[in-house]
Protein backbone atom coordinates (compact mmCIF):
# COMPACT_ATOMS: atom_id res chain seq x y z
CA MET A 1 -77.07 -33.48 122.00
CA ALA A 2 -77.64 -33.60 118.47
CA GLU A 3 -77.59 -29.76 118.45
CA LYS A 4 -74.57 -29.70 120.49
CA SER A 5 -72.82 -31.81 117.55
CA GLN A 6 -73.86 -29.80 115.05
CA LYS A 7 -72.67 -26.49 116.65
CA ASN A 8 -69.17 -28.20 117.46
CA LYS A 9 -68.95 -29.18 113.64
CA SER A 10 -69.76 -25.87 112.84
CA ILE A 11 -66.90 -24.25 115.07
CA ILE A 12 -64.26 -26.74 113.41
CA ILE A 13 -65.36 -25.71 109.91
CA GLY A 14 -65.05 -22.14 110.78
CA ALA A 15 -61.52 -22.64 112.60
CA CYS A 16 -60.40 -24.74 109.19
CA VAL A 17 -61.68 -21.74 106.50
CA ALA A 18 -59.99 -19.45 109.05
CA VAL A 19 -56.57 -20.77 108.92
CA VAL A 20 -56.82 -21.40 105.41
CA VAL A 21 -57.75 -17.70 104.77
CA VAL A 22 -54.53 -16.82 106.90
CA ILE A 23 -52.35 -19.53 105.07
CA ALA A 24 -53.55 -18.04 101.82
CA ILE A 25 -52.88 -14.05 102.67
CA ILE A 26 -49.28 -15.11 104.11
CA LEU A 27 -48.60 -16.52 100.55
CA ALA A 28 -49.77 -13.79 98.54
CA ILE A 29 -47.98 -11.40 100.65
CA VAL A 30 -44.60 -13.55 100.30
CA LEU A 31 -45.28 -13.95 96.47
CA ILE A 32 -45.75 -10.22 96.18
CA ASN A 33 -42.85 -9.32 97.57
CA LYS A 34 -40.56 -11.90 96.24
CA ASN A 35 -41.82 -10.59 92.45
CA GLN A 36 -41.06 -6.93 93.49
CA GLY A 37 -37.29 -8.13 93.11
CA ILE A 38 -34.57 -5.79 94.40
CA ASN A 39 -35.15 -2.53 95.33
CA ASP A 40 -33.35 1.00 96.35
CA SER A 41 -33.10 -0.32 99.88
CA TYR A 42 -30.71 -2.76 98.97
CA PHE A 43 -28.29 -0.37 97.49
CA VAL A 44 -27.52 0.76 100.97
CA SER A 45 -23.83 -0.24 102.45
CA ASP A 46 -23.84 -2.49 105.93
CA GLY A 47 -22.15 -4.55 107.53
CA THR A 48 -22.06 -7.23 104.69
CA LYS A 49 -21.76 -5.14 101.56
CA TYR A 50 -20.03 -1.90 100.27
CA VAL A 51 -22.22 -0.29 97.62
CA LEU A 52 -21.10 2.75 95.16
CA THR A 53 -24.05 4.12 93.31
CA MET A 54 -23.41 6.18 90.54
CA ASP A 55 -25.90 8.24 87.97
CA MET A 56 -25.40 7.57 84.44
CA ASP A 57 -24.89 10.27 81.75
CA GLN A 58 -28.59 10.35 80.08
CA SER A 59 -27.85 13.95 78.20
CA ASP A 60 -26.60 12.45 74.90
CA PRO A 61 -30.14 12.14 72.86
CA GLU A 62 -28.65 9.34 70.39
CA GLY A 63 -26.43 7.74 73.30
CA ASP A 64 -26.36 3.90 73.50
CA PRO A 65 -30.05 2.60 74.09
CA HIS A 66 -28.26 0.45 76.61
CA THR A 67 -26.58 2.99 78.92
CA PRO A 68 -28.32 2.46 82.35
CA ILE A 69 -29.75 5.22 84.37
CA LYS A 70 -27.70 4.08 87.45
CA THR A 71 -25.05 1.61 88.27
CA HIS A 72 -24.66 0.07 91.40
CA ALA A 73 -21.13 -1.84 92.17
CA VAL A 74 -21.73 -4.08 95.33
CA TYR A 75 -18.77 -5.22 97.10
CA PHE A 76 -19.85 -8.22 99.51
CA TYR A 77 -17.32 -8.61 102.32
CA LYS A 78 -16.32 -10.49 105.59
CA GLY A 79 -13.77 -9.24 107.86
CA ASN A 80 -11.41 -7.25 105.63
CA GLU A 81 -11.94 -10.04 102.67
CA ILE A 82 -13.62 -9.50 99.85
CA THR A 83 -16.14 -12.14 99.18
CA GLY A 84 -17.88 -11.14 95.73
CA LEU A 85 -18.94 -8.30 93.81
CA LYS A 86 -21.72 -7.90 91.59
CA ASN A 87 -22.42 -4.55 89.49
CA TYR A 88 -25.94 -3.86 88.96
CA LEU A 89 -26.89 -1.50 85.83
CA GLU A 90 -30.70 -0.07 86.38
CA TYR A 91 -32.80 0.72 83.50
CA GLU A 92 -36.34 2.62 83.61
CA ASN A 93 -38.09 -0.69 83.62
CA HIS A 94 -37.75 -4.60 82.80
CA ASP A 95 -38.00 -4.53 78.79
CA GLN A 96 -35.18 -2.41 78.94
CA ALA A 97 -33.00 -4.40 81.37
CA LYS A 98 -34.39 -7.45 79.29
CA SER A 99 -32.63 -5.93 75.87
CA ALA A 100 -29.71 -4.82 77.90
CA TYR A 101 -28.99 -8.07 78.94
CA GLU A 102 -29.40 -9.47 75.63
CA TYR A 103 -26.87 -7.21 74.46
CA ALA A 104 -24.72 -7.84 77.30
CA LYS A 105 -24.76 -11.46 76.62
CA GLU A 106 -23.60 -11.43 73.17
CA ASN A 107 -20.76 -8.53 73.50
CA GLU A 108 -19.74 -9.22 76.89
CA GLY A 109 -20.40 -12.66 78.14
CA ASP A 110 -16.89 -13.75 78.31
CA SER A 111 -16.25 -10.91 80.64
CA TYR A 112 -18.00 -11.70 83.65
CA LYS A 113 -18.82 -14.77 85.61
CA GLU A 114 -22.51 -14.59 85.00
CA ILE A 115 -25.03 -11.99 83.76
CA LEU A 116 -28.67 -12.00 84.80
CA VAL A 117 -31.89 -9.50 84.82
CA ASP A 118 -33.53 -9.09 87.86
CA GLY A 119 -36.38 -6.96 87.20
CA LYS A 120 -35.15 -3.73 85.86
CA TYR A 121 -31.65 -4.50 86.86
CA VAL A 122 -29.07 -6.11 84.50
CA VAL A 123 -26.69 -7.94 87.43
CA LEU A 124 -23.16 -8.24 86.29
CA VAL A 125 -21.36 -10.89 88.64
CA ALA A 126 -17.62 -10.39 88.51
CA ASP A 127 -14.57 -13.24 88.50
CA GLU A 128 -12.80 -13.55 91.60
CA SER A 129 -10.22 -12.39 89.82
CA LEU A 130 -11.13 -8.91 89.85
CA TYR A 131 -11.18 -8.67 93.58
CA GLU A 132 -8.92 -11.26 95.06
CA ASN A 133 -5.97 -8.55 96.33
CA THR A 134 -8.37 -6.28 97.32
CA THR A 135 -9.29 -5.85 100.76
CA ALA A 136 -12.51 -4.52 102.27
CA GLU A 137 -10.62 -1.11 103.79
CA ASP A 138 -9.29 -0.55 100.25
CA VAL A 139 -13.28 -0.86 98.68
CA LYS A 140 -14.49 1.30 101.59
CA GLN A 141 -11.59 4.23 101.27
CA GLN A 142 -12.22 4.23 97.24
CA ILE A 143 -15.65 4.60 97.88
CA GLU A 144 -15.74 7.09 100.54
CA PHE A 145 -13.06 8.98 98.26
CA ILE A 146 -15.62 8.82 94.84
CA GLU A 147 -18.51 9.81 97.22
CA SER A 148 -16.62 13.02 98.45
CA LEU A 149 -15.83 13.99 94.55
CA LYS A 150 -19.33 13.43 93.89
CA ASN A 151 -20.05 15.46 96.58
CA PHE A 152 -17.77 18.35 95.58
CA GLN A 153 -19.73 20.47 92.74
CA PHE A 154 -18.03 21.22 89.87
CA ASP A 155 -18.85 23.91 87.49
CA ASP A 156 -19.05 23.11 84.17
CA SER A 157 -19.88 26.15 82.31
CA ASP A 158 -17.07 27.34 79.96
CA THR A 159 -14.87 29.78 82.07
CA GLU A 160 -12.87 32.47 80.13
CA ILE A 161 -9.88 33.85 81.78
CA ILE A 162 -9.28 37.37 80.23
CA ASP A 163 -5.59 39.03 80.98
CA GLU A 164 -6.21 42.25 82.27
CA GLU A 165 -3.88 44.61 83.41
CA VAL A 166 -4.01 45.89 86.99
CA VAL A 167 -3.86 49.45 87.86
CA VAL A 168 -3.18 50.99 90.81
CA GLU A 169 -4.12 54.54 91.18
CA GLU A 170 -1.82 56.41 93.73
CA PRO A 171 -4.39 58.79 95.99
CA THR A 172 -4.08 62.49 95.08
CA GLU A 173 -3.84 64.93 97.66
CA GLU A 174 -3.93 68.71 96.90
CA ILE A 175 -1.41 70.39 98.57
CA VAL A 176 -2.42 73.55 99.68
CA GLU A 177 0.17 76.14 101.14
CA GLU A 178 -0.97 77.64 104.00
CA GLU A 179 0.87 80.96 105.63
CA VAL A 180 2.38 80.24 109.10
CA ILE A 181 2.58 82.82 111.16
CA VAL A 182 5.36 83.27 114.26
CA GLU A 183 4.68 85.59 116.50
CA GLU A 184 7.43 86.84 118.32
């Protein structure tokens, strides 16, 4: 009997340890996913938001250190009503985003409802007055138009137009006189 009781205690202890391990793994997964923040999959239009992503020009070697690599304008909507607008400024890493956040807070703090840092993003939360008279359909059409322009390839090379005179040459024919003999 004592042996059976000892066996039951071992099973109960083993089950408790297994439950604790499973809970620890679930908590670790949740915390890891929470700390990763926003990723590229967030910046996709769906049934709750329209997203416009624009690559920023990084070609100026002496450019502003607070220029992001990309901007993502995210319009939240319900039905045909815009319910919110957030601009996500994407940087290479959290340190650059933190520096840009400090700069934006100091220089543009009054222009936005709120300015936040989320990983490598500075989030500019727009005031309602910026979108209160805009419909979701308006935003959708504007984004489609801008996307079509982005897909249209412009030739940035300098094009020189040369004024040329077009000369059309008449075909030359040799006229050969032939003697026609008519027999009577």
